[in-house]
Protein backbone atom coordinates (compact mmCIF):
# COMPACT_ATOMS: atom_id res chain seq x y z
CA MET A 1 2.52 -13.24 14.01
CA TYR A 2 5.25 -12.83 11.40
CA ASN A 3 7.92 -15.50 11.39
CA ILE A 4 11.06 -16.39 9.47
CA GLY A 5 9.06 -18.52 7.05
CA MET A 6 6.96 -15.50 6.13
CA GLU A 7 10.09 -13.41 5.58
CA ASN A 8 11.55 -16.03 3.27
CA GLN A 9 8.34 -15.87 1.18
CA HIS A 10 8.38 -12.06 1.11
CA ILE A 11 10.09 -10.53 -1.91
CA PRO A 12 10.25 -6.71 -1.99
CA VAL A 13 8.66 -5.48 -5.21
CA LEU A 14 10.83 -3.62 -7.76
CA LEU A 15 13.78 -3.72 -5.35
CA SER A 16 16.57 -3.23 -7.92
CA GLU A 17 14.56 -0.42 -9.56
CA VAL A 18 14.00 1.29 -6.19
CA LEU A 19 17.74 1.13 -5.42
CA ALA A 20 18.69 2.42 -8.86
CA ASN A 21 16.30 5.39 -8.71
CA LEU A 22 16.56 6.38 -5.04
CA ASN A 23 20.34 5.86 -5.34
CA PRO A 24 21.12 5.62 -1.59
CA ARG A 25 24.53 6.87 -0.46
CA PRO A 26 26.44 6.32 2.81
CA GLY A 27 25.21 8.61 5.58
CA GLU A 28 21.90 9.57 3.96
CA SER A 29 18.63 9.55 5.93
CA TYR A 30 15.66 7.40 4.91
CA LEU A 31 11.91 7.40 5.61
CA ASP A 32 9.87 4.30 4.76
CA LEU A 33 6.16 5.09 5.09
CA THR A 34 5.01 1.47 4.59
CA ALA A 35 7.88 -0.60 5.95
CA GLY A 36 6.14 -3.99 6.21
CA LEU A 37 8.78 -6.68 6.73
CA GLY A 38 11.54 -4.19 5.95
CA GLY A 39 12.71 -5.67 2.65
CA HIS A 40 13.24 -2.35 0.87
CA ALA A 41 14.47 -0.72 4.08
CA LYS A 42 17.16 -3.32 4.74
CA SER A 43 18.67 -2.95 1.28
CA ILE A 44 18.72 0.84 1.56
CA LEU A 45 20.00 0.96 5.14
CA ASP A 46 22.72 -1.58 4.30
CA VAL A 47 24.09 1.18 2.02
CA THR A 48 23.45 4.28 4.14
CA LEU A 49 24.22 2.72 7.55
CA ASN A 50 22.43 5.77 8.99
CA TYR A 51 19.94 4.27 11.43
CA LYS A 52 19.67 7.15 13.90
CA ASP A 53 18.33 9.62 11.28
CA SER A 54 15.99 7.14 9.58
CA VAL A 55 12.38 6.24 10.35
CA LEU A 56 10.26 3.21 9.44
CA VAL A 57 6.45 3.46 9.58
CA ASP A 58 3.75 0.79 9.53
CA ARG A 59 0.17 0.75 10.79
CA ASP A 60 0.30 -3.03 11.36
CA GLU A 61 1.48 -3.88 14.89
CA PHE A 62 2.81 -7.27 13.73
CA ALA A 63 5.05 -5.55 11.18
CA ILE A 64 6.41 -3.22 13.88
CA GLU A 65 7.23 -6.18 16.16
CA HIS A 66 9.09 -7.82 13.31
CA LEU A 67 11.02 -4.63 12.51
CA LYS A 68 12.09 -4.29 16.15
CA GLN A 69 13.82 -7.66 15.88
CA LYS A 70 15.34 -6.94 12.47
CA PHE A 71 16.95 -3.52 12.95
CA PRO A 72 19.17 -1.76 15.53
CA ALA A 73 17.49 -0.07 18.48
CA ASP A 74 18.53 3.44 17.38
CA LEU A 75 16.24 3.21 14.32
CA THR A 76 12.91 4.99 14.96
CA LEU A 77 9.75 2.92 14.37
CA LEU A 78 6.28 4.48 14.21
CA ASN A 79 3.18 2.29 14.56
CA THR A 80 0.65 4.51 12.80
CA ASP A 81 -0.82 5.19 9.36
CA PHE A 82 1.47 7.05 6.97
CA TYR A 83 -0.58 10.28 6.98
CA GLY A 84 -0.40 10.43 10.78
CA ALA A 85 3.33 9.70 10.62
CA VAL A 86 3.93 12.47 8.07
CA LEU A 87 2.10 15.03 10.24
CA GLN A 88 4.09 13.92 13.29
CA LEU A 89 7.44 14.13 11.47
CA ILE A 90 6.68 17.56 9.98
CA GLU A 91 5.78 18.84 13.46
CA CYS A 92 9.14 17.56 14.74
CA GLY A 93 10.97 19.31 11.89
CA LYS A 94 12.37 16.10 10.43
CA THR A 95 13.65 15.93 6.86
CA PHE A 96 15.07 13.06 4.81
CA ASP A 97 17.22 12.33 1.76
CA MET A 98 14.95 9.49 0.60
CA ILE A 99 11.28 8.61 1.10
CA LEU A 100 9.64 5.40 -0.07
CA ALA A 101 5.98 4.34 0.04
CA ASP A 102 4.78 0.95 -1.22
CA PHE A 103 0.98 1.09 -1.27
CA GLY A 104 0.46 -2.64 -1.79
CA VAL A 105 -0.92 -5.06 0.79
CA SER A 106 2.01 -7.01 2.23
CA SER A 107 2.44 -10.71 1.44
CA PRO A 108 2.04 -11.77 5.11
CA GLN A 109 -1.28 -9.90 5.30
CA LEU A 110 -2.51 -11.62 2.13
CA ASP A 111 -1.19 -15.05 3.07
CA ASN A 112 -2.50 -15.06 6.64
CA GLY A 113 -6.16 -16.13 6.40
CA GLU A 114 -6.93 -14.70 9.84
CA ARG A 115 -6.38 -11.18 8.49
CA GLY A 116 -9.22 -11.62 5.97
CA PHE A 117 -7.55 -9.81 3.05
CA SER A 118 -7.66 -12.60 0.48
CA PHE A 119 -10.29 -14.98 -0.87
CA ARG A 120 -7.50 -17.49 -1.56
CA ASN A 121 -6.98 -18.09 2.17
CA ASP A 122 -10.25 -18.56 4.03
CA GLY A 123 -10.76 -16.40 7.07
CA PRO A 124 -12.99 -13.87 8.82
CA LEU A 125 -14.13 -10.71 7.05
CA ASP A 126 -11.57 -8.37 8.61
CA MET A 127 -9.15 -6.57 6.20
CA ARG A 128 -7.89 -4.08 8.80
CA MET A 129 -4.26 -3.07 8.34
CA ASP A 130 -4.43 -1.59 11.84
CA ARG A 131 -6.39 -3.94 14.08
CA ARG A 132 -6.90 -1.20 16.64
CA GLN A 133 -9.53 0.44 14.43
CA LYS A 134 -13.20 -0.51 14.69
CA LEU A 135 -14.44 -0.71 11.08
CA THR A 136 -14.01 -4.18 9.52
CA ALA A 137 -14.99 -5.83 6.25
CA ASP A 138 -17.69 -7.68 8.19
CA ASP A 139 -19.34 -4.35 9.08
CA ILE A 140 -19.47 -3.37 5.41
CA VAL A 141 -20.52 -6.74 3.96
CA ASN A 142 -23.18 -7.52 6.54
CA HIS A 143 -24.52 -4.11 7.57
CA TRP A 144 -24.13 -1.54 4.80
CA SER A 145 -27.10 -0.85 2.54
CA GLU A 146 -27.39 -2.40 -0.90
CA LYS A 147 -27.10 1.09 -2.42
CA ASN A 148 -23.88 1.88 -0.52
CA LEU A 149 -22.34 -1.47 -1.44
CA ALA A 150 -23.05 -0.90 -5.13
CA GLU A 151 -21.54 2.59 -4.91
CA ILE A 152 -18.22 1.41 -3.45
CA PHE A 153 -18.03 -1.48 -5.93
CA VAL A 154 -18.23 1.06 -8.76
CA LYS A 155 -16.02 3.73 -7.19
CA TYR A 156 -13.26 1.59 -5.69
CA GLY A 157 -13.65 -1.73 -7.50
CA GLU A 158 -14.24 -0.12 -10.90
CA GLU A 159 -17.15 -2.49 -11.55
CA LYS A 160 -19.80 -1.62 -14.11
CA PRO A 161 -22.86 -0.09 -12.36
CA GLY A 162 -25.32 -2.79 -13.44
CA HIS A 163 -23.10 -5.64 -12.27
CA ALA A 164 -22.25 -3.77 -9.05
CA ARG A 165 -25.97 -3.49 -8.21
CA LEU A 166 -26.49 -7.20 -8.97
CA LEU A 167 -23.63 -8.22 -6.67
CA ALA A 168 -24.77 -5.87 -3.90
CA ARG A 169 -28.27 -7.35 -4.07
CA GLU A 170 -26.85 -10.88 -3.95
CA ILE A 171 -24.69 -10.08 -0.92
CA VAL A 172 -27.62 -8.58 0.99
CA HIS A 173 -29.74 -11.63 0.11
CA HIS A 174 -27.15 -14.06 1.56
CA ARG A 175 -26.56 -12.27 4.87
CA PRO A 176 -25.04 -13.05 7.29
CA ILE A 177 -21.86 -13.86 5.38
CA LYS A 178 -19.22 -15.29 7.69
CA SER A 179 -15.98 -15.72 5.73
CA THR A 180 -13.86 -14.54 2.82
CA SER A 181 -14.41 -17.77 0.87
CA GLU A 182 -18.19 -17.54 1.33
CA LEU A 183 -18.18 -13.97 0.01
CA ALA A 184 -15.96 -14.95 -2.92
CA GLU A 185 -18.28 -17.84 -3.85
CA ILE A 186 -21.33 -15.55 -3.86
CA ILE A 187 -19.53 -13.09 -6.14
CA ALA A 188 -18.23 -15.82 -8.46
CA SER A 189 -21.69 -17.37 -8.82
CA LYS A 190 -22.99 -14.15 -10.40
CA SER A 191 -19.93 -13.21 -12.45
CA ARG A 192 -18.27 -14.19 -15.68
CA HIS A 193 -14.87 -15.73 -15.17
CA SER A 194 -11.89 -13.92 -16.71
CA HIS A 195 -8.10 -13.94 -16.28
CA ILE A 196 -8.56 -12.55 -12.75
CA HIS A 197 -10.89 -14.01 -10.11
CA PRO A 198 -14.30 -12.27 -10.15
CA ALA A 199 -13.93 -11.37 -6.46
CA THR A 200 -10.67 -9.45 -6.96
CA LYS A 201 -12.26 -6.06 -7.66
CA LEU A 202 -14.80 -6.29 -4.86
CA PHE A 203 -12.25 -7.35 -2.28
CA GLN A 204 -10.14 -4.39 -3.41
CA ALA A 205 -13.12 -2.03 -3.00
CA ILE A 206 -13.95 -3.28 0.50
CA ARG A 207 -10.30 -3.17 1.61
CA ILE A 208 -9.89 0.41 0.33
CA VAL A 209 -12.93 1.51 2.35
CA VAL A 210 -11.93 -0.38 5.51
CA ASN A 211 -8.49 1.25 5.53
CA ASP A 212 -9.48 4.61 3.99
CA GLU A 213 -6.58 4.07 1.60
CA LEU A 214 -7.20 6.63 -1.13
CA THR A 215 -7.98 9.45 1.31
CA GLU A 216 -4.72 8.67 3.12
CA ILE A 217 -2.76 8.89 -0.13
CA GLU A 218 -4.51 12.07 -1.26
CA LYS A 219 -3.80 13.85 2.04
CA THR A 220 -0.21 12.62 2.28
CA LEU A 221 1.17 13.41 -1.20
CA PRO A 222 1.16 17.26 -0.94
CA LEU A 223 3.00 17.08 2.40
CA LEU A 224 5.97 15.02 1.18
CA PRO A 225 8.07 18.00 -0.09
CA LYS A 226 8.10 19.35 3.49
CA LEU A 227 9.94 16.19 4.56
CA LEU A 228 12.57 16.25 1.81
CA ASN A 229 16.06 17.71 1.91
CA LYS A 230 17.30 19.51 -1.20
CA ASN A 231 17.91 16.87 -3.91
CA GLY A 232 15.95 14.38 -1.81
CA ARG A 233 14.14 11.60 -3.67
CA VAL A 234 10.63 10.18 -3.28
CA GLY A 235 9.68 6.79 -4.70
CA ILE A 236 6.09 5.57 -4.67
CA ILE A 237 4.93 2.10 -5.68
CA THR A 238 1.28 1.62 -6.61
CA PHE A 239 -0.68 -1.50 -7.51
CA HIS A 240 -3.93 -0.37 -9.12
CA SER A 241 -5.12 2.46 -11.31
CA LEU A 242 -6.92 4.39 -8.54
CA GLU A 243 -3.73 4.76 -6.49
CA ASP A 244 -1.55 5.35 -9.52
CA ARG A 245 -3.82 8.10 -10.86
CA LEU A 246 -3.53 10.04 -7.59
CA VAL A 247 0.27 9.76 -7.61
CA LYS A 248 0.60 10.53 -11.33
CA ASP A 249 -1.66 13.59 -11.12
CA TYR A 250 0.06 14.99 -8.02
CA PHE A 251 3.57 14.49 -9.44
CA LYS A 252 2.50 16.08 -12.73
CA GLU A 253 1.06 19.14 -10.96
CA ALA A 254 3.99 19.50 -8.54
CA THR A 255 6.58 19.40 -11.34
CA SER A 256 4.76 21.67 -13.80
CA HIS A 257 5.66 25.15 -12.50
CA GLY A 258 9.06 25.54 -14.13
CA GLU A 259 11.74 26.96 -11.82
CA GLU A 260 9.14 27.47 -9.11
CA SER A 261 8.30 23.73 -8.93
CA GLU A 262 9.04 22.07 -5.61
CA LEU A 263 9.71 18.77 -7.36
CA SER A 264 11.22 17.56 -10.62
CA GLN A 265 10.45 14.31 -12.41
CA GLY A 266 12.86 11.48 -11.72
CA THR A 267 11.05 9.04 -14.02
CA LYS A 268 9.19 10.16 -17.13
CA LYS A 269 7.16 6.95 -17.26
CA PRO A 270 6.24 4.56 -14.45
CA ILE A 271 8.77 1.77 -13.98
CA ILE A 272 7.34 -1.77 -14.09
CA ALA A 273 8.79 -5.15 -13.14
CA ALA A 274 11.16 -6.90 -15.51
CA ASN A 275 10.24 -10.38 -16.77
CA GLN A 276 12.80 -12.07 -14.52
CA GLU A 277 11.14 -10.56 -11.43
CA LEU A 278 7.68 -11.66 -12.56
CA VAL A 279 8.89 -15.27 -12.74
CA ILE A 280 9.80 -15.32 -9.04
CA ASN A 281 7.26 -12.74 -7.80
CA PRO A 282 3.96 -12.75 -9.78
CA ARG A 283 2.49 -10.15 -7.40
CA ALA A 284 4.80 -7.58 -9.02
CA ARG A 285 2.87 -7.72 -12.29
CA SER A 286 0.68 -4.70 -11.48
CA ALA A 287 3.33 -2.68 -9.59
CA LYS A 288 4.39 0.75 -10.86
CA LEU A 289 7.20 2.88 -9.46
CA ARG A 290 7.24 6.66 -9.88
CA VAL A 291 10.07 8.86 -8.59
CA VAL A 292 10.49 12.63 -8.11
CA THR A 293 13.31 14.77 -6.73
CA ARG A 294 13.17 17.85 -4.45
CA ASN A 295 14.47 20.99 -6.14
């Protein structure tokens, strides 16, 4: 369960940059597709003070419970994935002045070993953002074929094919694997050490598959203009190249039709964290913010 200690540790990524580029104004409506602990949302809603026309979304039930305690009762909370939320809101005819999506894993999910997201905190092989779903990291690590493991390590972990096959073979050989630290040790034993832990890419690959993350993003992006008022702003924060490429390519296509474009570029280049933020929040080092505006 989230607690005050977790909130104190949680620092919203690129917060000043989000505020500067979304430029919230009193009375405007806001949709947060990945609300988490509500760090970005609180700063924006403190300006707009428009709770009744705003919506916060998160697929993690613990995040929703936390948000219920943090915000007034007239703020709508949706406990679902962001693609499902977008479909639901379009069907209801809702539109917003600002939309934000932060595609990173939240600090409480990473720091809570029981959730199984991180090799730095030992725990079960879980990695589900929504614990109502059936597929877990354990299913993938202990039951998928060697061939399928190697494929996802290449596709979603961006591992070299030869090394991906070696790691897949090693994982199958050591089954059953019971914990995140056990999996990380197996990966590290067959990898060269670099500036990032050798397990980072593979944990990313497994997590992406468990939560169907890239498919969610790909299906959601083209629907966002339907949820925007005229001059409405969308900000999206990504944390790795696979996510960022999807966002970059969609924004480029959607803004490339001259006067017929639904969107116009708000940021020519992705915005990254300033050095002073990296000192207090190292997790921001790979974050990129891109913003577009509804024409």
